[in-house]
Each structure stands twice: as C-alpha cells, then as structure tokens.
Amino acid sequence: MARTVNFSRRAGKIKSAIDELVTEMTHARPIVIPTKDKVKLSEINFDSLELKALMKIQAHLSRVIYEKSKAKK
C-alpha cells in the first residue's frame, strides 16, 4: 500500500521548529540586519553575516514560502 504524506502538516511542523529556534536565538543576542524597503540579493554579502543572521533570513524565507504554498491551494 502506498504511503501518503501530508505536506501542509509537515511544513507547519518545520515552520514552528524554525520559529522556536529563531526566538531562542534572538533572545540570546540581538541580531542587526540592515533593512531597506527592497534589497537585491546580489547586494548582500552572505559570507560576512553571522550564522544567527543567516538563520533568521532562512526562517523568514521559510515562512514566506509556507504562506505562499498555502495560498495556492
């Protein structure tokens, strides 16, 4: 019998795990990322960012992707 996977549920679990990690990290030490209304990815030097800042960016992208995937259904 084929196994089915509930991707929405799995994405929700991943999102909540990332959110918890980011919350823990931001309480430990503030992360400062320069912000503008729009930033081109080519303008960001990812190599110079600390791991915590990169993880915060990753968490934000995961939330955006998750919300957009829910909207398409």
PDB file of N, CA and C in Angstrom:
ATOM      1  N   MET A   1       0.846  -1.179   0.000  1.00  0.00           N
ATOM      2  CA  MET A   1       0.000   0.000   0.000  1.00  0.00           C
ATOM      3  C   MET A   1       0.892   1.243   0.000  1.00  0.00           C
ATOM      4  N   ALA A   2       0.530   2.212  -0.797  1.00  0.00           N
ATOM      5  CA  ALA A   2       1.302   3.452  -0.889  1.00  0.00           C
ATOM      6  C   ALA A   2       1.098   4.303   0.356  1.00  0.00           C
ATOM      7  N   ARG A   3       2.146   4.937   0.768  1.00  0.00           N
ATOM      8  CA  ARG A   3       2.099   5.805   1.944  1.00  0.00           C
ATOM      9  C   ARG A   3       1.830   7.232   1.497  1.00  0.00           C
ATOM     10  N   THR A   4       0.898   7.901   2.150  1.00  0.00           N
ATOM     11  CA  THR A   4       0.589   9.289   1.809  1.00  0.00           C
ATOM     12  C   THR A   4       1.268  10.223   2.802  1.00  0.00           C
ATOM     13  N   VAL A   5       1.614  11.388   2.319  1.00  0.00           N
ATOM     14  CA  VAL A   5       2.292  12.374   3.149  1.00  0.00           C
ATOM     15  C   VAL A   5       1.474  13.650   3.155  1.00  0.00           C
ATOM     16  N   ASN A   6       1.215  14.175   4.343  1.00  0.00           N
ATOM     17  CA  ASN A   6       0.508  15.440   4.485  1.00  0.00           C
ATOM     18  C   ASN A   6       1.557  16.553   4.516  1.00  0.00           C
ATOM     19  N   PHE A   7       1.831  17.140   3.333  1.00  0.00           N
ATOM     20  CA  PHE A   7       2.890  18.132   3.223  1.00  0.00           C
ATOM     21  C   PHE A   7       2.562  19.416   3.974  1.00  0.00           C
ATOM     22  N   SER A   8       1.307  19.793   4.031  1.00  0.00           N
ATOM     23  CA  SER A   8       0.939  21.007   4.768  1.00  0.00           C
ATOM     24  C   SER A   8       1.256  20.849   6.249  1.00  0.00           C
ATOM     25  N   ARG A   9       0.945  19.703   6.786  1.00  0.00           N
ATOM     26  CA  ARG A   9       1.208  19.436   8.202  1.00  0.00           C
ATOM     27  C   ARG A   9       2.715  19.394   8.469  1.00  0.00           C
ATOM     28  N   ARG A  10       3.433  18.724   7.579  1.00  0.00           N
ATOM     29  CA  ARG A  10       4.885  18.635   7.728  1.00  0.00           C
ATOM     30  C   ARG A  10       5.528  20.022   7.622  1.00  0.00           C
ATOM     31  N   ALA A  11       5.062  20.845   6.673  1.00  0.00           N
ATOM     32  CA  ALA A  11       5.589  22.207   6.525  1.00  0.00           C
ATOM     33  C   ALA A  11       5.292  23.036   7.768  1.00  0.00           C
ATOM     34  N   GLY A  12       4.128  22.849   8.344  1.00  0.00           N
ATOM     35  CA  GLY A  12       3.765  23.557   9.566  1.00  0.00           C
ATOM     36  C   GLY A  12       4.680  23.190  10.725  1.00  0.00           C
ATOM     37  N   LYS A  13       5.024  21.898  10.841  1.00  0.00           N
ATOM     38  CA  LYS A  13       5.928  21.453  11.904  1.00  0.00           C
ATOM     39  C   LYS A  13       7.319  22.045  11.708  1.00  0.00           C
ATOM     40  N   ILE A  14       7.789  22.060  10.471  1.00  0.00           N
ATOM     41  CA  ILE A  14       9.113  22.625  10.188  1.00  0.00           C
ATOM     42  C   ILE A  14       9.115  24.114  10.492  1.00  0.00           C
ATOM     43  N   LYS A  15       8.058  24.808  10.095  1.00  0.00           N
ATOM     44  CA  LYS A  15       7.961  26.246  10.338  1.00  0.00           C
ATOM     45  C   LYS A  15       7.985  26.528  11.838  1.00  0.00           C
ATOM     46  N   SER A  16       7.225  25.763  12.619  1.00  0.00           N
ATOM     47  CA  SER A  16       7.193  26.016  14.061  1.00  0.00           C
ATOM     48  C   SER A  16       8.541  25.716  14.709  1.00  0.00           C
ATOM     49  N   ALA A  17       9.243  24.694  14.229  1.00  0.00           N
ATOM     50  CA  ALA A  17      10.571  24.385  14.767  1.00  0.00           C
ATOM     51  C   ALA A  17      11.552  25.507  14.460  1.00  0.00           C
ATOM     52  N   ILE A  18      11.494  26.037  13.247  1.00  0.00           N
ATOM     53  CA  ILE A  18      12.374  27.151  12.869  1.00  0.00           C
ATOM     54  C   ILE A  18      12.028  28.383  13.681  1.00  0.00           C
ATOM     55  N   ASP A  19      10.742  28.659  13.840  1.00  0.00           N
ATOM     56  CA  ASP A  19      10.328  29.820  14.633  1.00  0.00           C
ATOM     57  C   ASP A  19      10.828  29.730  16.074  1.00  0.00           C
ATOM     58  N   GLU A  20      10.746  28.539  16.671  1.00  0.00           N
ATOM     59  CA  GLU A  20      11.234  28.354  18.038  1.00  0.00           C
ATOM     60  C   GLU A  20      12.735  28.608  18.120  1.00  0.00           C
ATOM     61  N   LEU A  21      13.469  28.090  17.146  1.00  0.00           N
ATOM     62  CA  LEU A  21      14.916  28.281  17.126  1.00  0.00           C
ATOM     63  C   LEU A  21      15.272  29.752  16.983  1.00  0.00           C
ATOM     64  N   VAL A  22      14.593  30.448  16.090  1.00  0.00           N
ATOM     65  CA  VAL A  22      14.865  31.870  15.884  1.00  0.00           C
ATOM     66  C   VAL A  22      14.521  32.655  17.140  1.00  0.00           C
ATOM     67  N   THR A  23      13.420  32.324  17.790  1.00  0.00           N
ATOM     68  CA  THR A  23      13.030  33.008  19.027  1.00  0.00           C
ATOM     69  C   THR A  23      14.099  32.826  20.095  1.00  0.00           C
ATOM     70  N   GLU A  24      14.592  31.610  20.253  1.00  0.00           N
ATOM     71  CA  GLU A  24      15.646  31.350  21.235  1.00  0.00           C
ATOM     72  C   GLU A  24      16.904  32.143  20.909  1.00  0.00           C
ATOM     73  N   MET A  25      17.251  32.182  19.629  1.00  0.00           N
ATOM     74  CA  MET A  25      18.473  32.871  19.221  1.00  0.00           C
ATOM     75  C   MET A  25      18.346  34.384  19.390  1.00  0.00           C
ATOM     76  N   THR A  26      17.206  34.936  19.090  1.00  0.00           N
ATOM     77  CA  THR A  26      17.062  36.383  19.178  1.00  0.00           C
ATOM     78  C   THR A  26      17.006  36.849  20.625  1.00  0.00           C
ATOM     79  N   HIS A  27      16.550  36.001  21.533  1.00  0.00           N
ATOM     80  CA  HIS A  27      16.550  36.383  22.946  1.00  0.00           C
ATOM     81  C   HIS A  27      17.953  36.314  23.528  1.00  0.00           C
ATOM     82  N   ALA A  28      18.785  35.463  22.967  1.00  0.00           N
ATOM     83  CA  ALA A  28      20.144  35.317  23.474  1.00  0.00           C
ATOM     84  C   ALA A  28      21.001  36.540  23.122  1.00  0.00           C
ATOM     85  N   ARG A  29      20.855  37.038  21.914  1.00  0.00           N
ATOM     86  CA  ARG A  29      21.650  38.179  21.473  1.00  0.00           C
ATOM     87  C   ARG A  29      20.945  38.834  20.299  1.00  0.00           C
ATOM     88  N   PRO A  30      20.763  40.145  20.344  1.00  0.00           N
ATOM     89  CA  PRO A  30      20.065  40.804  19.236  1.00  0.00           C
ATOM     90  C   PRO A  30      20.823  40.670  17.918  1.00  0.00           C
ATOM     91  N   ILE A  31      20.082  40.507  16.846  1.00  0.00           N
ATOM     92  CA  ILE A  31      20.662  40.406  15.514  1.00  0.00           C
ATOM     93  C   ILE A  31      20.329  41.689  14.767  1.00  0.00           C
ATOM     94  N   VAL A  32      21.348  42.306  14.226  1.00  0.00           N
ATOM     95  CA  VAL A  32      21.143  43.544  13.480  1.00  0.00           C
ATOM     96  C   VAL A  32      21.387  43.257  12.010  1.00  0.00           C
ATOM     97  N   ILE A  33      20.339  43.407  11.227  1.00  0.00           N
ATOM     98  CA  ILE A  33      20.437  43.265   9.784  1.00  0.00           C
ATOM     99  C   ILE A  33      19.974  44.570   9.173  1.00  0.00           C
ATOM    100  N   PRO A  34      20.818  45.206   8.364  1.00  0.00           N
ATOM    101  CA  PRO A  34      20.385  46.452   7.735  1.00  0.00           C
ATOM    102  C   PRO A  34      19.135  46.213   6.897  1.00  0.00           C
ATOM    103  N   THR A  35      18.172  47.109   7.028  1.00  0.00           N
ATOM    104  CA  THR A  35      16.935  46.929   6.286  1.00  0.00           C
ATOM    105  C   THR A  35      16.655  48.125   5.392  1.00  0.00           C
ATOM    106  N   LYS A  36      16.085  47.835   4.264  1.00  0.00           N
ATOM    107  CA  LYS A  36      15.588  48.822   3.318  1.00  0.00           C
ATOM    108  C   LYS A  36      14.214  48.324   2.905  1.00  0.00           C
ATOM    109  N   ASP A  37      13.516  49.120   2.148  1.00  0.00           N
ATOM    110  CA  ASP A  37      12.240  48.633   1.635  1.00  0.00           C
ATOM    111  C   ASP A  37      12.461  47.434   0.725  1.00  0.00           C
ATOM    112  N   LYS A  38      13.465  47.530  -0.152  1.00  0.00           N
ATOM    113  CA  LYS A  38      13.787  46.422  -1.043  1.00  0.00           C
ATOM    114  C   LYS A  38      15.298  46.247  -1.068  1.00  0.00           C
ATOM    115  N   VAL A  39      15.717  45.010  -1.023  1.00  0.00           N
ATOM    116  CA  VAL A  39      17.135  44.694  -1.069  1.00  0.00           C
ATOM    117  C   VAL A  39      17.343  43.642  -2.143  1.00  0.00           C
ATOM    118  N   LYS A  40      18.304  43.877  -3.008  1.00  0.00           N
ATOM    119  CA  LYS A  40      18.646  42.881  -4.016  1.00  0.00           C
ATOM    120  C   LYS A  40      19.547  41.841  -3.375  1.00  0.00           C
ATOM    121  N   LEU A  41      19.294  40.582  -3.683  1.00  0.00           N
ATOM    122  CA  LEU A  41      20.120  39.523  -3.117  1.00  0.00           C
ATOM    123  C   LEU A  41      21.580  39.698  -3.500  1.00  0.00           C
ATOM    124  N   SER A  42      21.829  40.246  -4.673  1.00  0.00           N
ATOM    125  CA  SER A  42      23.210  40.445  -5.105  1.00  0.00           C
ATOM    126  C   SER A  42      23.937  41.487  -4.257  1.00  0.00           C
ATOM    127  N   GLU A  43      23.190  42.325  -3.524  1.00  0.00           N
ATOM    128  CA  GLU A  43      23.793  43.349  -2.674  1.00  0.00           C
ATOM    129  C   GLU A  43      24.185  42.810  -1.296  1.00  0.00           C
ATOM    130  N   ILE A  44      23.737  41.609  -0.957  1.00  0.00           N
ATOM    131  CA  ILE A  44      24.006  41.051   0.364  1.00  0.00           C
ATOM    132  C   ILE A  44      25.252  40.169   0.297  1.00  0.00           C
ATOM    133  N   ASN A  45      26.185  40.426   1.183  1.00  0.00           N
ATOM    134  CA  ASN A  45      27.377  39.586   1.301  1.00  0.00           C
ATOM    135  C   ASN A  45      27.085  38.536   2.374  1.00  0.00           C
ATOM    136  N   PHE A  46      26.538  37.407   1.950  1.00  0.00           N
ATOM    137  CA  PHE A  46      26.140  36.370   2.887  1.00  0.00           C
ATOM    138  C   PHE A  46      27.343  35.797   3.648  1.00  0.00           C
ATOM    139  N   ASP A  47      28.511  35.799   3.028  1.00  0.00           N
ATOM    140  CA  ASP A  47      29.706  35.258   3.679  1.00  0.00           C
ATOM    141  C   ASP A  47      30.099  36.070   4.911  1.00  0.00           C
ATOM    142  N   SER A  48      29.747  37.343   4.927  1.00  0.00           N
ATOM    143  CA  SER A  48      30.150  38.183   6.057  1.00  0.00           C
ATOM    144  C   SER A  48      29.146  38.151   7.210  1.00  0.00           C
ATOM    145  N   LEU A  49      27.956  37.582   6.981  1.00  0.00           N
ATOM    146  CA  LEU A  49      26.937  37.537   8.029  1.00  0.00           C
ATOM    147  C   LEU A  49      27.223  36.422   9.026  1.00  0.00           C
ATOM    148  N   GLU A  50      26.835  36.655  10.269  1.00  0.00           N
ATOM    149  CA  GLU A  50      26.963  35.629  11.299  1.00  0.00           C
ATOM    150  C   GLU A  50      25.910  34.549  11.071  1.00  0.00           C
ATOM    151  N   LEU A  51      26.169  33.393  11.633  1.00  0.00           N
ATOM    152  CA  LEU A  51      25.258  32.259  11.486  1.00  0.00           C
ATOM    153  C   LEU A  51      23.851  32.600  11.960  1.00  0.00           C
ATOM    154  N   LYS A  52      23.751  33.330  13.054  1.00  0.00           N
ATOM    155  CA  LYS A  52      22.434  33.683  13.596  1.00  0.00           C
ATOM    156  C   LYS A  52      21.642  34.538  12.609  1.00  0.00           C
ATOM    157  N   ALA A  53      22.314  35.478  11.954  1.00  0.00           N
ATOM    158  CA  ALA A  53      21.639  36.325  10.975  1.00  0.00           C
ATOM    159  C   ALA A  53      21.198  35.498   9.779  1.00  0.00           C
ATOM    160  N   LEU A  54      22.037  34.579   9.331  1.00  0.00           N
ATOM    161  CA  LEU A  54      21.676  33.718   8.205  1.00  0.00           C
ATOM    162  C   LEU A  54      20.477  32.839   8.547  1.00  0.00           C
ATOM    163  N   MET A  55      20.427  32.351   9.781  1.00  0.00           N
ATOM    164  CA  MET A  55      19.307  31.510  10.190  1.00  0.00           C
ATOM    165  C   MET A  55      18.020  32.321  10.292  1.00  0.00           C
ATOM    166  N   LYS A  56      18.138  33.579  10.679  1.00  0.00           N
ATOM    167  CA  LYS A  56      16.962  34.441  10.741  1.00  0.00           C
ATOM    168  C   LYS A  56      16.421  34.687   9.331  1.00  0.00           C
ATOM    169  N   ILE A  57      17.316  34.903   8.388  1.00  0.00           N
ATOM    170  CA  ILE A  57      16.907  35.083   6.990  1.00  0.00           C
ATOM    171  C   ILE A  57      16.239  33.811   6.486  1.00  0.00           C
ATOM    172  N   GLN A  58      16.824  32.662   6.802  1.00  0.00           N
ATOM    173  CA  GLN A  58      16.268  31.384   6.374  1.00  0.00           C
ATOM    174  C   GLN A  58      14.867  31.171   6.953  1.00  0.00           C
ATOM    175  N   ALA A  59      14.694  31.514   8.212  1.00  0.00           N
ATOM    176  CA  ALA A  59      13.385  31.352   8.846  1.00  0.00           C
ATOM    177  C   ALA A  59      12.351  32.243   8.181  1.00  0.00           C
ATOM    178  N   HIS A  60      12.742  33.468   7.863  1.00  0.00           N
ATOM    179  CA  HIS A  60      11.808  34.385   7.212  1.00  0.00           C
ATOM    180  C   HIS A  60      11.419  33.851   5.830  1.00  0.00           C
ATOM    181  N   LEU A  61      12.392  33.374   5.076  1.00  0.00           N
ATOM    182  CA  LEU A  61      12.097  32.807   3.759  1.00  0.00           C
ATOM    183  C   LEU A  61      11.190  31.585   3.880  1.00  0.00           C
ATOM    184  N   SER A  62      11.423  30.763   4.889  1.00  0.00           N
ATOM    185  CA  SER A  62      10.578  29.577   5.092  1.00  0.00           C
ATOM    186  C   SER A  62       9.137  29.976   5.369  1.00  0.00           C
ATOM    187  N   ARG A  63       8.951  31.029   6.180  1.00  0.00           N
ATOM    188  CA  ARG A  63       7.588  31.497   6.466  1.00  0.00           C
ATOM    189  C   ARG A  63       6.912  32.014   5.203  1.00  0.00           C
ATOM    190  N   VAL A  64       7.635  32.769   4.390  1.00  0.00           N
ATOM    191  CA  VAL A  64       7.064  33.314   3.159  1.00  0.00           C
ATOM    192  C   VAL A  64       6.688  32.186   2.204  1.00  0.00           C
ATOM    193  N   ILE A  65       7.580  31.221   2.049  1.00  0.00           N
ATOM    194  CA  ILE A  65       7.303  30.081   1.165  1.00  0.00           C
ATOM    195  C   ILE A  65       6.108  29.293   1.669  1.00  0.00           C
ATOM    196  N   TYR A  66       6.036  29.067   2.967  1.00  0.00           N
ATOM    197  CA  TYR A  66       4.920  28.329   3.558  1.00  0.00           C
ATOM    198  C   TYR A  66       3.602  29.047   3.315  1.00  0.00           C
ATOM    199  N   GLU A  67       3.569  30.359   3.556  1.00  0.00           N
ATOM    200  CA  GLU A  67       2.335  31.136   3.360  1.00  0.00           C
ATOM    201  C   GLU A  67       1.917  31.142   1.903  1.00  0.00           C
ATOM    202  N   LYS A  68       2.865  31.272   0.994  1.00  0.00           N
ATOM    203  CA  LYS A  68       2.531  31.272  -0.433  1.00  0.00           C
ATOM    204  C   LYS A  68       2.042  29.908  -0.881  1.00  0.00           C
ATOM    205  N   SER A  69       2.593  28.839  -0.320  1.00  0.00           N
ATOM    206  CA  SER A  69       2.148  27.484  -0.697  1.00  0.00           C
ATOM    207  C   SER A  69       0.727  27.246  -0.191  1.00  0.00           C
ATOM    208  N   LYS A  70       0.377  27.815   0.975  1.00  0.00           N
ATOM    209  CA  LYS A  70      -0.992  27.676   1.480  1.00  0.00           C
ATOM    210  C   LYS A  70      -1.968  28.455   0.613  1.00  0.00           C
ATOM    211  N   ALA A  71      -1.553  29.597   0.108  1.00  0.00           N
ATOM    212  CA  ALA A  71      -2.430  30.451  -0.687  1.00  0.00           C
ATOM    213  C   ALA A  71      -2.759  29.834  -2.043  1.00  0.00           C
ATOM    214  N   LYS A  72      -1.876  29.016  -2.572  1.00  0.00           N
ATOM    215  CA  LYS A  72      -2.086  28.403  -3.893  1.00  0.00           C
ATOM    216  C   LYS A  72      -3.119  27.287  -3.856  1.00  0.00           C
ATOM    217  N   LYS A  73      -3.396  26.756  -2.681  1.00  0.00           N
ATOM    218  CA  LYS A  73      -4.320  25.606  -2.585  1.00  0.00           C
ATOM    219  C   LYS A  73      -5.744  26.045  -2.552  1.00  0.00           C
TER     220      LYS A  73
END
